[in-house]
Amino acid sequence: MLKMHYTMKTIMTACAAVVITASSTSFALETNSEDIDINAYTCKDVMRMSGGNRDMSISFIHGYWMGKAGKTSFNKKQVEEMTNKFYDYCLDNPKEKAVKSMGKFEK
């Protein structure tokens, strides 16, 4: 199982990087050169990403759910556990939407 180590700075930096570099990053499901619709990503899409792109996408999805819940803080260990559950779920359910899948584990 993959271990993920997040800090608030890492998540905020990743979210900012998504917004700033969206037009120059080669995401597979871009609707045009500027817009990225995270609701279009499947688990398979996210799991095929590597390194910083995958970390950034997962951080962004965590941030999406935190924002929906009105949260401004998080527990690092819980985020790591949710991320590991997300990985396991996505490996078993590659056709599921990534955002919806992460929502199953957000606390």
C-alpha atoms as a PDB file:
ATOM      1  CA  MET A   1       0.000   0.000   0.000  1.00  0.00           C
ATOM      2  CA  LEU A   2       1.296   3.441  -0.863  1.00  0.00           C
ATOM      3  CA  LYS A   3       2.133   5.798   1.990  1.00  0.00           C
ATOM      4  CA  MET A   4       1.253   9.432   1.376  1.00  0.00           C
ATOM      5  CA  HIS A   5       2.677  12.239   3.450  1.00  0.00           C
ATOM      6  CA  TYR A   6       0.760  15.480   3.182  1.00  0.00           C
ATOM      7  CA  THR A   7       1.127  18.743   4.962  1.00  0.00           C
ATOM      8  CA  MET A   8      -1.147  21.735   4.609  1.00  0.00           C
ATOM      9  CA  LYS A   9       1.599  23.496   2.661  1.00  0.00           C
ATOM     10  CA  THR A  10       1.900  20.581   0.240  1.00  0.00           C
ATOM     11  CA  ILE A  11      -1.848  20.433  -0.396  1.00  0.00           C
ATOM     12  CA  MET A  12      -2.171  24.191  -0.805  1.00  0.00           C
ATOM     13  CA  THR A  13       0.873  24.312  -3.090  1.00  0.00           C
ATOM     14  CA  ALA A  14      -0.504  21.481  -5.199  1.00  0.00           C
ATOM     15  CA  CYS A  15      -3.929  23.124  -5.489  1.00  0.00           C
ATOM     16  CA  ALA A  16      -2.340  26.432  -6.466  1.00  0.00           C
ATOM     17  CA  ALA A  17      -0.152  24.656  -8.996  1.00  0.00           C
ATOM     18  CA  VAL A  18      -3.225  23.066 -10.611  1.00  0.00           C
ATOM     19  CA  VAL A  19      -4.802  26.458 -11.099  1.00  0.00           C
ATOM     20  CA  ILE A  20      -1.629  28.199 -12.259  1.00  0.00           C
ATOM     21  CA  THR A  21      -0.331  25.519 -14.612  1.00  0.00           C
ATOM     22  CA  ALA A  22      -3.587  24.044 -15.890  1.00  0.00           C
ATOM     23  CA  SER A  23      -3.104  25.392 -19.391  1.00  0.00           C
ATOM     24  CA  SER A  24       0.428  24.032 -19.762  1.00  0.00           C
ATOM     25  CA  THR A  25       0.046  20.672 -18.019  1.00  0.00           C
ATOM     26  CA  SER A  26      -0.763  17.720 -20.249  1.00  0.00           C
ATOM     27  CA  PHE A  27      -3.803  16.240 -18.566  1.00  0.00           C
ATOM     28  CA  ALA A  28      -5.525  13.622 -20.682  1.00  0.00           C
ATOM     29  CA  LEU A  29      -9.074  14.913 -20.231  1.00  0.00           C
ATOM     30  CA  GLU A  30      -8.737  18.639 -20.857  1.00  0.00           C
ATOM     31  CA  THR A  31     -11.821  20.107 -22.481  1.00  0.00           C
ATOM     32  CA  ASN A  32      -9.646  22.880 -23.909  1.00  0.00           C
ATOM     33  CA  SER A  33      -6.201  24.290 -23.203  1.00  0.00           C
ATOM     34  CA  GLU A  34      -7.375  26.152 -20.077  1.00  0.00           C
ATOM     35  CA  ASP A  35     -10.142  24.120 -18.434  1.00  0.00           C
ATOM     36  CA  ILE A  36      -9.791  20.848 -16.556  1.00  0.00           C
ATOM     37  CA  ASP A  37     -12.965  19.107 -15.399  1.00  0.00           C
ATOM     38  CA  ILE A  38     -12.050  16.877 -12.468  1.00  0.00           C
ATOM     39  CA  ASN A  39     -15.491  15.256 -12.675  1.00  0.00           C
ATOM     40  CA  ALA A  40     -14.434  13.717 -15.999  1.00  0.00           C
ATOM     41  CA  TYR A  41     -11.531  11.757 -14.471  1.00  0.00           C
ATOM     42  CA  THR A  42     -12.004   8.073 -13.838  1.00  0.00           C
ATOM     43  CA  CYS A  43     -10.026   6.165 -11.246  1.00  0.00           C
ATOM     44  CA  LYS A  44      -8.031   4.669 -14.109  1.00  0.00           C
ATOM     45  CA  ASP A  45      -7.102   8.158 -15.353  1.00  0.00           C
ATOM     46  CA  VAL A  46      -5.764   9.176 -11.953  1.00  0.00           C
ATOM     47  CA  MET A  47      -3.959   5.896 -11.348  1.00  0.00           C
ATOM     48  CA  ARG A  48      -2.220   6.186 -14.746  1.00  0.00           C
ATOM     49  CA  MET A  49      -0.781   9.561 -13.766  1.00  0.00           C
ATOM     50  CA  SER A  50       2.615   9.550 -12.153  1.00  0.00           C
ATOM     51  CA  GLY A  51       4.589  11.548  -9.652  1.00  0.00           C
ATOM     52  CA  GLY A  52       3.605  15.164  -9.241  1.00  0.00           C
ATOM     53  CA  ASN A  53       0.619  15.003 -11.590  1.00  0.00           C
ATOM     54  CA  ARG A  54      -1.024  12.246  -9.559  1.00  0.00           C
ATOM     55  CA  ASP A  55      -0.169  13.902  -6.231  1.00  0.00           C
ATOM     56  CA  MET A  56      -1.529  17.210  -7.491  1.00  0.00           C
ATOM     57  CA  SER A  57      -4.746  15.651  -8.771  1.00  0.00           C
ATOM     58  CA  ILE A  58      -5.365  13.721  -5.560  1.00  0.00           C
ATOM     59  CA  SER A  59      -4.619  16.819  -3.467  1.00  0.00           C
ATOM     60  CA  PHE A  60      -7.025  18.813  -5.592  1.00  0.00           C
ATOM     61  CA  ILE A  61      -9.756  16.177  -5.139  1.00  0.00           C
ATOM     62  CA  HIS A  62      -9.183  16.170  -1.365  1.00  0.00           C
ATOM     63  CA  GLY A  63      -9.439  19.969  -1.444  1.00  0.00           C
ATOM     64  CA  TYR A  64     -12.652  19.748  -3.443  1.00  0.00           C
ATOM     65  CA  TRP A  65     -14.291  17.578  -0.795  1.00  0.00           C
ATOM     66  CA  MET A  66     -12.883  19.664   2.063  1.00  0.00           C
ATOM     67  CA  GLY A  67     -14.324  22.786   0.443  1.00  0.00           C
ATOM     68  CA  LYS A  68     -17.725  21.145  -0.001  1.00  0.00           C
ATOM     69  CA  ALA A  69     -17.684  20.295   3.703  1.00  0.00           C
ATOM     70  CA  GLY A  70     -16.596  23.807   4.664  1.00  0.00           C
ATOM     71  CA  LYS A  71     -13.387  22.519   6.242  1.00  0.00           C
ATOM     72  CA  THR A  72     -10.261  24.630   6.544  1.00  0.00           C
ATOM     73  CA  SER A  73      -8.137  22.141   8.468  1.00  0.00           C
ATOM     74  CA  PHE A  74      -7.386  18.441   8.223  1.00  0.00           C
ATOM     75  CA  ASN A  75      -5.777  15.575  10.079  1.00  0.00           C
ATOM     76  CA  LYS A  76      -2.685  14.365   8.214  1.00  0.00           C
ATOM     77  CA  LYS A  77      -3.105  10.739   9.281  1.00  0.00           C
ATOM     78  CA  GLN A  78      -6.755  10.689   8.189  1.00  0.00           C
ATOM     79  CA  VAL A  79      -5.839  12.145   4.782  1.00  0.00           C
ATOM     80  CA  GLU A  80      -3.161   9.475   4.346  1.00  0.00           C
ATOM     81  CA  GLU A  81      -5.667   6.747   5.272  1.00  0.00           C
ATOM     82  CA  MET A  82      -8.293   8.167   2.882  1.00  0.00           C
ATOM     83  CA  THR A  83      -5.719   8.356   0.092  1.00  0.00           C
ATOM     84  CA  ASN A  84      -4.658   4.743   0.617  1.00  0.00           C
ATOM     85  CA  LYS A  85      -8.304   3.618   0.606  1.00  0.00           C
ATOM     86  CA  PHE A  86      -8.837   5.654  -2.568  1.00  0.00           C
ATOM     87  CA  TYR A  87      -5.867   3.906  -4.236  1.00  0.00           C
ATOM     88  CA  ASP A  88      -7.159   0.456  -3.269  1.00  0.00           C
ATOM     89  CA  TYR A  89     -10.692   1.313  -4.402  1.00  0.00           C
ATOM     90  CA  CYS A  90      -9.500   2.744  -7.720  1.00  0.00           C
ATOM     91  CA  LEU A  91      -7.352  -0.285  -8.485  1.00  0.00           C
ATOM     92  CA  ASP A  92     -10.442  -2.467  -8.012  1.00  0.00           C
ATOM     93  CA  ASN A  93     -12.860  -0.043  -9.750  1.00  0.00           C
ATOM     94  CA  PRO A  94     -10.984   1.684 -12.588  1.00  0.00           C
ATOM     95  CA  LYS A  95     -14.121   2.858 -14.414  1.00  0.00           C
ATOM     96  CA  GLU A  96     -15.547   4.731 -11.418  1.00  0.00           C
ATOM     97  CA  LYS A  97     -15.321   8.524 -11.365  1.00  0.00           C
ATOM     98  CA  ALA A  98     -12.353   9.628  -9.248  1.00  0.00           C
ATOM     99  CA  VAL A  99     -14.108  12.513  -7.472  1.00  0.00           C
ATOM    100  CA  LYS A 100     -17.095  10.379  -6.519  1.00  0.00           C
ATOM    101  CA  SER A 101     -14.766   7.581  -5.390  1.00  0.00           C
ATOM    102  CA  MET A 102     -12.756   9.867  -3.103  1.00  0.00           C
ATOM    103  CA  GLY A 103     -16.038  11.091  -1.615  1.00  0.00           C
ATOM    104  CA  LYS A 104     -16.640   7.607  -0.248  1.00  0.00           C
ATOM    105  CA  PHE A 105     -13.658   8.046   2.074  1.00  0.00           C
ATOM    106  CA  GLU A 106     -13.787  11.724   3.055  1.00  0.00           C
ATOM    107  CA  LYS A 107     -14.603  12.141   6.743  1.00  0.00           C
END
